């Protein structure tokens, strides 16, 4: 099986002549990468291609990290607030007793959603008024445009965000 041997040789070279910590796993008919390491298989084509380490994670690694950002009482109803958490800009909103968080940057021109106009559970980018549903992150006017949403947990009066 030369394909498997060439993959092993590539992985050996990629890891500086040492055995990689993780292995590539695949199964027939998969539509995308299904393992985690420096290479993965694409479906039944047998094509191998490099991926960034950490791009695909095991079940234990998939648990998101929670970070405390503020007290619930510090969030004003019906307004956004910008937070910098672990190098990431997040727009956090308190709407009708719920707290929702999305990545702050609009995918269109980089407007700060934290300073956008909030109407119900939709925030409008302050630059060009692209509307984003805070529950899903989907842009309501431009198919395919979206921002990442983040889970929010209330622990007493503390607000925690999943990264």
N, C-alpha and C. Protein backbone atom coordinates (compact mmCIF):
# COMPACT_ATOMS: atom_id res chain seq x y z
N UNK A 1 0.85 -1.18 0.00
CA UNK A 1 0.00 0.00 0.00
C UNK A 1 0.90 1.24 0.00
N UNK A 2 1.35 1.69 -1.17
CA UNK A 2 2.28 2.81 -1.21
C UNK A 2 1.70 4.11 -0.67
N UNK A 3 0.41 4.33 -0.83
CA UNK A 3 -0.20 5.57 -0.36
C UNK A 3 -0.05 5.70 1.16
N UNK A 4 -0.32 4.64 1.88
CA UNK A 4 -0.19 4.66 3.34
C UNK A 4 1.27 4.85 3.74
N UNK A 5 2.19 4.19 3.02
CA UNK A 5 3.61 4.34 3.35
C UNK A 5 4.09 5.76 3.08
N UNK A 6 3.64 6.37 1.98
CA UNK A 6 4.07 7.74 1.70
C UNK A 6 3.50 8.69 2.74
N UNK A 7 2.30 8.43 3.23
CA UNK A 7 1.72 9.26 4.28
C UNK A 7 2.54 9.13 5.56
N UNK A 8 2.94 7.90 5.89
CA UNK A 8 3.76 7.70 7.09
C UNK A 8 5.10 8.43 6.95
N UNK A 9 5.69 8.36 5.76
CA UNK A 9 6.97 9.04 5.52
C UNK A 9 6.78 10.55 5.64
N UNK A 10 5.70 11.06 5.08
CA UNK A 10 5.44 12.50 5.16
C UNK A 10 5.24 12.92 6.61
N UNK A 11 4.48 12.13 7.36
CA UNK A 11 4.25 12.46 8.77
C UNK A 11 5.56 12.42 9.56
N UNK A 12 6.42 11.42 9.24
CA UNK A 12 7.70 11.31 9.92
C UNK A 12 8.53 12.56 9.63
N UNK A 13 8.56 12.98 8.37
CA UNK A 13 9.29 14.19 7.99
C UNK A 13 8.67 15.41 8.64
N UNK A 14 7.33 15.52 8.62
CA UNK A 14 6.61 16.68 9.14
C UNK A 14 6.87 16.87 10.63
N UNK A 15 7.07 15.79 11.34
CA UNK A 15 7.27 15.86 12.79
C UNK A 15 8.75 15.82 13.16
N UNK A 16 9.59 16.24 12.23
CA UNK A 16 11.02 16.37 12.52
C UNK A 16 11.71 15.06 12.82
N UNK A 17 11.29 13.99 12.17
CA UNK A 17 11.94 12.71 12.35
C UNK A 17 11.54 11.98 13.62
N UNK A 18 10.47 12.44 14.25
CA UNK A 18 9.98 11.73 15.43
C UNK A 18 8.57 11.24 15.17
N UNK A 19 8.19 10.28 15.93
CA UNK A 19 6.85 9.71 15.78
C UNK A 19 5.81 10.74 16.23
N UNK A 20 4.75 10.98 15.42
CA UNK A 20 3.73 11.95 15.82
C UNK A 20 2.96 11.48 17.04
N UNK A 21 2.47 12.45 17.82
CA UNK A 21 1.70 12.12 19.03
C UNK A 21 0.36 11.50 18.68
N UNK A 22 -0.21 11.91 17.57
CA UNK A 22 -1.56 11.49 17.21
C UNK A 22 -1.56 10.80 15.87
N UNK A 23 -2.60 10.05 15.60
CA UNK A 23 -2.68 9.33 14.34
C UNK A 23 -3.84 9.85 13.51
N UNK A 24 -3.77 9.57 12.23
CA UNK A 24 -4.84 9.93 11.31
C UNK A 24 -5.83 8.78 11.29
N UNK A 25 -7.07 9.11 11.46
CA UNK A 25 -8.12 8.10 11.43
C UNK A 25 -9.04 8.43 10.27
N UNK A 26 -9.53 7.43 9.57
CA UNK A 26 -10.48 7.70 8.49
C UNK A 26 -11.45 6.54 8.41
N UNK A 27 -12.54 6.76 7.74
CA UNK A 27 -13.49 5.70 7.51
C UNK A 27 -14.09 5.88 6.13
N UNK A 28 -14.53 4.79 5.49
CA UNK A 28 -15.03 4.87 4.12
C UNK A 28 -16.22 5.80 4.00
N UNK A 29 -16.23 6.61 2.93
CA UNK A 29 -17.37 7.46 2.64
C UNK A 29 -17.42 8.74 3.43
N UNK A 30 -16.39 9.06 4.19
CA UNK A 30 -16.43 10.31 4.95
C UNK A 30 -16.32 11.48 3.99
N UNK A 31 -16.96 12.57 4.33
CA UNK A 31 -16.99 13.72 3.45
C UNK A 31 -15.89 14.73 3.74
N UNK A 32 -15.12 14.52 4.75
CA UNK A 32 -14.09 15.47 5.11
C UNK A 32 -13.08 14.84 6.02
N UNK A 33 -12.18 15.64 6.58
CA UNK A 33 -11.17 15.10 7.47
C UNK A 33 -11.81 14.51 8.71
N UNK A 34 -11.33 13.35 9.12
CA UNK A 34 -11.97 12.67 10.25
C UNK A 34 -10.98 12.23 11.31
N UNK A 35 -9.80 12.72 11.28
CA UNK A 35 -8.84 12.36 12.31
C UNK A 35 -8.26 13.63 12.86
N UNK A 36 -7.13 13.52 13.46
CA UNK A 36 -6.46 14.73 13.87
C UNK A 36 -4.97 14.46 13.89
N UNK A 37 -4.28 15.29 13.19
CA UNK A 37 -2.84 15.32 13.14
C UNK A 37 -2.45 16.21 11.98
N UNK A 38 -1.38 15.86 11.30
CA UNK A 38 -0.88 16.70 10.22
C UNK A 38 -1.44 16.33 8.87
N UNK A 39 -2.27 15.30 8.78
CA UNK A 39 -2.83 14.91 7.49
C UNK A 39 -4.18 14.28 7.73
N UNK A 40 -5.03 14.29 6.71
CA UNK A 40 -6.35 13.68 6.83
C UNK A 40 -6.79 13.20 5.46
N UNK A 41 -7.81 12.38 5.44
CA UNK A 41 -8.31 11.81 4.19
C UNK A 41 -9.57 12.54 3.78
N UNK A 42 -9.72 12.77 2.48
CA UNK A 42 -10.94 13.37 1.96
C UNK A 42 -11.75 12.29 1.28
N UNK A 43 -12.82 11.83 1.92
CA UNK A 43 -13.76 10.90 1.33
C UNK A 43 -13.11 9.67 0.74
N UNK A 44 -13.72 9.14 -0.32
CA UNK A 44 -13.22 7.92 -0.94
C UNK A 44 -12.17 8.21 -1.99
N UNK A 45 -11.84 9.50 -2.23
CA UNK A 45 -10.85 9.84 -3.25
C UNK A 45 -9.45 9.40 -2.84
N UNK A 46 -9.23 9.25 -1.53
CA UNK A 46 -7.92 8.83 -1.06
C UNK A 46 -6.90 9.96 -1.06
N UNK A 47 -7.32 11.18 -1.35
CA UNK A 47 -6.41 12.31 -1.38
C UNK A 47 -5.99 12.65 0.04
N UNK A 48 -4.71 12.81 0.25
CA UNK A 48 -4.20 13.21 1.57
C UNK A 48 -3.76 14.65 1.47
N UNK A 49 -4.01 15.41 2.49
CA UNK A 49 -3.61 16.81 2.47
C UNK A 49 -3.28 17.25 3.88
N UNK A 50 -2.37 18.22 4.04
CA UNK A 50 -1.99 18.66 5.38
C UNK A 50 -3.04 19.57 6.00
N UNK A 51 -3.19 19.48 7.30
CA UNK A 51 -4.06 20.38 8.04
C UNK A 51 -3.27 20.93 9.22
N UNK A 52 -3.71 22.05 9.76
CA UNK A 52 -3.03 22.61 10.92
C UNK A 52 -3.26 21.73 12.14
N UNK A 53 -2.23 21.49 12.94
CA UNK A 53 -2.44 20.73 14.18
C UNK A 53 -3.47 21.44 15.05
N UNK A 54 -4.36 20.67 15.63
CA UNK A 54 -5.38 21.24 16.49
C UNK A 54 -6.64 21.65 15.76
N UNK A 55 -6.64 21.58 14.42
CA UNK A 55 -7.83 21.96 13.67
C UNK A 55 -8.96 20.98 13.97
N UNK A 56 -8.64 19.71 14.04
CA UNK A 56 -9.62 18.70 14.40
C UNK A 56 -9.26 18.19 15.78
N UNK A 57 -10.27 18.05 16.63
CA UNK A 57 -9.99 17.72 18.02
C UNK A 57 -10.73 16.46 18.45
N UNK A 58 -10.23 15.82 19.48
CA UNK A 58 -10.91 14.67 20.05
C UNK A 58 -12.11 15.16 20.87
N UNK A 59 -12.95 14.26 21.30
CA UNK A 59 -14.14 14.62 22.07
C UNK A 59 -13.81 15.41 23.33
N UNK A 60 -12.76 15.01 24.04
CA UNK A 60 -12.40 15.72 25.27
C UNK A 60 -11.92 17.13 24.96
N UNK A 61 -11.21 17.30 23.84
CA UNK A 61 -10.70 18.62 23.48
C UNK A 61 -11.79 19.54 22.97
N UNK A 62 -12.91 18.98 22.52
CA UNK A 62 -13.97 19.79 21.94
C UNK A 62 -14.75 20.58 22.99
N UNK A 63 -14.58 20.24 24.26
CA UNK A 63 -15.25 21.03 25.30
C UNK A 63 -14.68 22.43 25.25
N UNK A 64 -15.52 23.39 25.13
CA UNK A 64 -15.06 24.77 25.03
C UNK A 64 -14.64 25.30 26.40
N UNK A 65 -13.73 26.22 26.36
CA UNK A 65 -13.25 26.88 27.56
C UNK A 65 -14.21 27.98 27.95
N UNK A 66 -14.54 28.06 29.23
CA UNK A 66 -15.40 29.14 29.73
C UNK A 66 -14.55 30.21 30.39
N UNK A 67 -14.93 31.45 30.13
CA UNK A 67 -14.26 32.59 30.75
C UNK A 67 -15.31 33.51 31.36
N UNK A 68 -15.06 33.93 32.60
CA UNK A 68 -15.94 34.90 33.26
C UNK A 68 -15.64 36.25 32.65
N UNK A 69 -16.70 36.98 32.26
CA UNK A 69 -16.48 38.29 31.65
C UNK A 69 -17.01 39.45 32.48
N UNK A 70 -18.11 39.23 33.22
CA UNK A 70 -18.67 40.32 34.02
C UNK A 70 -19.80 39.77 34.89
N UNK A 71 -20.43 40.69 35.62
CA UNK A 71 -21.65 40.36 36.36
C UNK A 71 -22.84 40.69 35.47
N UNK A 72 -23.92 39.96 35.64
CA UNK A 72 -25.13 40.20 34.86
C UNK A 72 -25.61 41.63 35.06
N UNK A 73 -25.50 42.12 36.26
CA UNK A 73 -25.95 43.48 36.56
C UNK A 73 -25.15 44.55 35.81
N UNK A 74 -23.99 44.19 35.28
CA UNK A 74 -23.17 45.14 34.52
C UNK A 74 -23.58 45.24 33.05
N UNK A 75 -24.45 44.35 32.59
CA UNK A 75 -24.92 44.38 31.21
C UNK A 75 -26.23 45.14 31.14
N UNK A 76 -26.27 46.16 30.33
CA UNK A 76 -27.46 46.98 30.18
C UNK A 76 -28.44 46.30 29.21
N UNK A 77 -29.70 46.24 29.59
CA UNK A 77 -30.75 45.63 28.74
C UNK A 77 -30.85 46.39 27.41
N UNK A 78 -30.86 45.62 26.31
CA UNK A 78 -31.07 46.20 24.99
C UNK A 78 -29.87 46.89 24.37
N UNK A 79 -28.68 46.68 24.94
CA UNK A 79 -27.47 47.31 24.39
C UNK A 79 -26.34 46.29 24.32
N UNK A 80 -25.44 46.52 23.38
CA UNK A 80 -24.28 45.65 23.25
C UNK A 80 -23.11 46.16 24.06
N UNK A 81 -22.20 45.26 24.36
CA UNK A 81 -20.99 45.64 25.07
C UNK A 81 -19.84 44.82 24.51
N UNK A 82 -18.70 45.47 24.30
CA UNK A 82 -17.52 44.83 23.74
C UNK A 82 -16.63 44.29 24.84
N UNK A 83 -16.18 43.05 24.66
CA UNK A 83 -15.25 42.41 25.59
C UNK A 83 -14.09 41.83 24.79
N UNK A 84 -12.89 41.94 25.34
CA UNK A 84 -11.71 41.28 24.79
C UNK A 84 -11.42 40.09 25.69
N UNK A 85 -11.52 38.87 25.13
CA UNK A 85 -11.32 37.67 25.92
C UNK A 85 -10.34 36.77 25.18
N UNK A 86 -9.20 36.49 25.80
CA UNK A 86 -8.16 35.64 25.20
C UNK A 86 -7.82 36.07 23.79
N UNK A 87 -7.68 37.36 23.56
CA UNK A 87 -7.30 37.87 22.25
C UNK A 87 -8.43 37.90 21.24
N UNK A 88 -9.63 37.64 21.66
CA UNK A 88 -10.79 37.62 20.76
C UNK A 88 -11.76 38.71 21.18
N UNK A 89 -12.28 39.46 20.19
CA UNK A 89 -13.27 40.51 20.47
C UNK A 89 -14.67 39.91 20.39
N UNK A 90 -15.43 40.08 21.47
CA UNK A 90 -16.78 39.54 21.54
C UNK A 90 -17.79 40.65 21.77
N UNK A 91 -18.92 40.56 21.10
CA UNK A 91 -20.04 41.47 21.31
C UNK A 91 -21.06 40.71 22.17
N UNK A 92 -21.40 41.26 23.32
CA UNK A 92 -22.31 40.59 24.26
C UNK A 92 -23.54 41.48 24.44
N UNK A 93 -24.72 40.84 24.38
CA UNK A 93 -25.99 41.56 24.43
C UNK A 93 -26.89 40.94 25.48
N UNK A 94 -27.66 41.80 26.17
CA UNK A 94 -28.69 41.34 27.11
C UNK A 94 -30.02 41.76 26.52
N UNK A 95 -30.82 40.75 26.15
CA UNK A 95 -32.10 41.01 25.48
C UNK A 95 -33.18 40.17 26.15
N UNK A 96 -34.17 40.83 26.73
CA UNK A 96 -35.30 40.13 27.32
C UNK A 96 -34.91 39.10 28.36
N UNK A 97 -33.92 39.41 29.18
CA UNK A 97 -33.51 38.46 30.21
C UNK A 97 -32.50 37.44 29.73
N UNK A 98 -32.24 37.36 28.43
CA UNK A 98 -31.24 36.44 27.88
C UNK A 98 -29.95 37.20 27.61
N UNK A 99 -28.84 36.49 27.69
CA UNK A 99 -27.55 37.06 27.32
C UNK A 99 -27.02 36.25 26.14
N UNK A 100 -26.64 36.96 25.07
CA UNK A 100 -26.13 36.31 23.87
C UNK A 100 -24.81 36.94 23.47
N UNK A 101 -23.92 36.13 22.88
CA UNK A 101 -22.60 36.61 22.50
C UNK A 101 -22.24 36.13 21.10
N UNK A 102 -21.62 37.02 20.33
CA UNK A 102 -21.12 36.69 18.99
C UNK A 102 -19.74 37.32 18.83
N UNK A 103 -18.99 36.85 17.83
CA UNK A 103 -17.75 37.54 17.49
C UNK A 103 -18.11 38.96 17.10
N UNK A 104 -17.29 39.90 17.48
CA UNK A 104 -17.63 41.31 17.32
C UNK A 104 -17.52 41.82 15.89
N UNK A 105 -16.69 41.23 15.07
CA UNK A 105 -16.40 41.78 13.75
C UNK A 105 -17.39 41.33 12.68
N UNK A 106 -18.02 42.29 12.02
CA UNK A 106 -18.90 42.00 10.89
C UNK A 106 -18.05 41.47 9.73
N UNK A 107 -18.47 40.39 9.07
CA UNK A 107 -17.67 39.82 7.98
C UNK A 107 -17.62 40.70 6.73
N UNK A 108 -18.49 41.69 6.64
CA UNK A 108 -18.53 42.54 5.45
C UNK A 108 -17.36 43.51 5.42
N UNK A 109 -17.29 44.42 6.38
CA UNK A 109 -16.22 45.42 6.40
C UNK A 109 -15.59 45.59 7.78
N UNK A 110 -15.87 44.64 8.69
CA UNK A 110 -15.21 44.67 9.99
C UNK A 110 -15.81 45.60 11.02
N UNK A 111 -17.06 46.04 10.81
CA UNK A 111 -17.71 46.91 11.78
C UNK A 111 -17.89 46.20 13.11
N UNK A 112 -17.88 46.96 14.20
CA UNK A 112 -18.04 46.40 15.54
C UNK A 112 -19.51 46.19 15.85
N UNK A 113 -19.93 44.94 15.94
CA UNK A 113 -21.34 44.63 16.21
C UNK A 113 -21.77 45.06 17.61
N UNK A 114 -20.83 45.17 18.54
CA UNK A 114 -21.16 45.61 19.90
C UNK A 114 -21.75 47.01 19.89
N UNK A 115 -21.42 47.81 18.88
CA UNK A 115 -21.92 49.17 18.79
C UNK A 115 -23.02 49.31 17.74
N UNK A 116 -23.55 48.17 17.30
CA UNK A 116 -24.62 48.17 16.32
C UNK A 116 -25.97 48.44 16.94
N UNK A 117 -26.95 48.65 16.07
CA UNK A 117 -28.33 48.89 16.50
C UNK A 117 -28.99 47.56 16.81
N UNK A 118 -29.53 47.41 18.00
CA UNK A 118 -30.15 46.17 18.44
C UNK A 118 -31.67 46.31 18.37
N UNK A 119 -32.29 45.41 17.61
CA UNK A 119 -33.75 45.38 17.51
C UNK A 119 -34.19 43.95 17.76
N UNK A 120 -34.76 43.72 18.93
CA UNK A 120 -35.12 42.36 19.31
C UNK A 120 -33.85 41.55 19.47
N UNK A 121 -33.79 40.40 18.78
CA UNK A 121 -32.60 39.54 18.84
C UNK A 121 -31.79 39.65 17.56
N UNK A 122 -31.88 40.81 16.92
CA UNK A 122 -31.12 41.09 15.70
C UNK A 122 -30.26 42.33 15.94
N UNK A 123 -28.98 42.23 15.59
CA UNK A 123 -28.09 43.38 15.69
C UNK A 123 -27.73 43.81 14.26
N UNK A 124 -27.73 45.11 14.03
CA UNK A 124 -27.40 45.68 12.73
C UNK A 124 -26.01 46.28 12.80
N UNK A 125 -25.14 45.90 11.88
CA UNK A 125 -23.78 46.42 11.83
C UNK A 125 -23.84 47.95 11.70
N UNK A 126 -23.05 48.68 12.49
CA UNK A 126 -23.10 50.14 12.44
C UNK A 126 -22.54 50.73 11.14
N UNK A 127 -21.80 49.94 10.36
CA UNK A 127 -21.21 50.49 9.13
C UNK A 127 -22.17 50.43 7.94
N UNK A 128 -22.76 49.27 7.69
CA UNK A 128 -23.60 49.11 6.50
C UNK A 128 -24.92 48.40 6.79
N UNK A 129 -25.29 48.30 8.05
CA UNK A 129 -26.59 47.79 8.49
C UNK A 129 -26.87 46.35 8.10
N UNK A 130 -25.83 45.52 8.02
CA UNK A 130 -26.09 44.10 7.81
C UNK A 130 -26.72 43.54 9.10
N UNK A 131 -27.86 42.85 8.99
CA UNK A 131 -28.53 42.32 10.19
C UNK A 131 -28.07 40.89 10.52
N UNK A 132 -27.75 40.65 11.79
CA UNK A 132 -27.33 39.32 12.24
C UNK A 132 -28.23 38.85 13.36
N UNK A 133 -28.73 37.62 13.23
CA UNK A 133 -29.54 36.99 14.27
C UNK A 133 -28.58 36.57 15.37
N UNK A 134 -28.77 37.07 16.58
CA UNK A 134 -27.86 36.76 17.69
C UNK A 134 -27.93 35.31 18.14
N UNK A 135 -29.03 34.62 17.84
CA UNK A 135 -29.16 33.22 18.24
C UNK A 135 -28.37 32.29 17.33
N UNK A 136 -28.32 32.60 16.04
CA UNK A 136 -27.68 31.71 15.07
C UNK A 136 -26.39 32.27 14.48
N UNK A 137 -26.23 33.60 14.51
CA UNK A 137 -25.09 34.24 13.88
C UNK A 137 -25.28 34.49 12.40
N UNK A 138 -26.40 34.04 11.83
CA UNK A 138 -26.65 34.19 10.40
C UNK A 138 -27.02 35.62 10.04
N UNK A 139 -26.50 36.08 8.89
CA UNK A 139 -26.91 37.39 8.37
C UNK A 139 -28.27 37.19 7.70
N UNK A 140 -29.22 38.03 8.04
CA UNK A 140 -30.58 37.85 7.53
C UNK A 140 -30.76 38.34 6.10
N UNK A 141 -29.83 39.16 5.59
CA UNK A 141 -29.94 39.69 4.24
C UNK A 141 -28.98 39.07 3.24
N UNK A 142 -27.86 38.53 3.71
CA UNK A 142 -26.83 38.02 2.82
C UNK A 142 -26.62 36.53 3.10
N UNK A 143 -27.13 35.65 2.23
CA UNK A 143 -26.96 34.21 2.45
C UNK A 143 -25.48 33.82 2.55
N UNK A 144 -25.17 33.02 3.54
CA UNK A 144 -23.80 32.54 3.72
C UNK A 144 -22.95 33.40 4.62
N UNK A 145 -23.35 34.64 4.84
CA UNK A 145 -22.59 35.51 5.75
C UNK A 145 -23.03 35.21 7.18
N UNK A 146 -22.06 35.08 8.06
CA UNK A 146 -22.39 34.77 9.45
C UNK A 146 -21.26 35.19 10.38
N UNK A 147 -21.60 35.29 11.66
CA UNK A 147 -20.61 35.50 12.70
C UNK A 147 -20.73 34.32 13.66
N UNK A 148 -19.65 34.01 14.33
CA UNK A 148 -19.65 32.89 15.26
C UNK A 148 -20.39 33.27 16.53
N UNK A 149 -21.25 32.38 16.99
CA UNK A 149 -21.95 32.59 18.25
C UNK A 149 -21.19 31.87 19.37
N UNK A 150 -21.38 32.33 20.58
CA UNK A 150 -20.70 31.74 21.74
C UNK A 150 -21.75 31.43 22.80
N UNK A 151 -21.62 30.28 23.42
CA UNK A 151 -22.51 29.90 24.50
C UNK A 151 -22.31 30.82 25.69
N UNK A 152 -23.40 31.13 26.36
CA UNK A 152 -23.35 32.00 27.55
C UNK A 152 -23.95 31.23 28.71
N UNK A 153 -23.28 31.27 29.84
CA UNK A 153 -23.75 30.59 31.05
C UNK A 153 -23.82 31.60 32.19
N UNK A 154 -24.91 31.55 32.92
CA UNK A 154 -25.06 32.39 34.10
C UNK A 154 -24.80 31.52 35.33
N UNK A 155 -23.82 31.91 36.11
CA UNK A 155 -23.48 31.20 37.34
C UNK A 155 -23.70 32.21 38.47
N UNK A 156 -24.91 32.14 39.05
CA UNK A 156 -25.31 33.16 40.00
C UNK A 156 -25.48 34.46 39.23
N UNK A 157 -24.73 35.49 39.62
CA UNK A 157 -24.78 36.78 38.92
C UNK A 157 -23.61 36.91 37.93
N UNK A 158 -22.78 35.88 37.81
CA UNK A 158 -21.60 35.92 36.94
C UNK A 158 -21.98 35.45 35.53
N UNK A 159 -21.45 36.14 34.52
CA UNK A 159 -21.67 35.77 33.12
C UNK A 159 -20.40 35.11 32.62
N UNK A 160 -20.53 33.87 32.11
CA UNK A 160 -19.40 33.14 31.54
C UNK A 160 -19.66 32.89 30.06
N UNK A 161 -18.62 33.03 29.26
CA UNK A 161 -18.70 32.85 27.81
C UNK A 161 -17.89 31.63 27.41
N UNK A 162 -18.42 30.83 26.49
CA UNK A 162 -17.67 29.70 25.93
C UNK A 162 -16.84 30.19 24.76
N UNK A 163 -15.58 29.83 24.74
CA UNK A 163 -14.70 30.18 23.63
C UNK A 163 -14.43 28.97 22.77
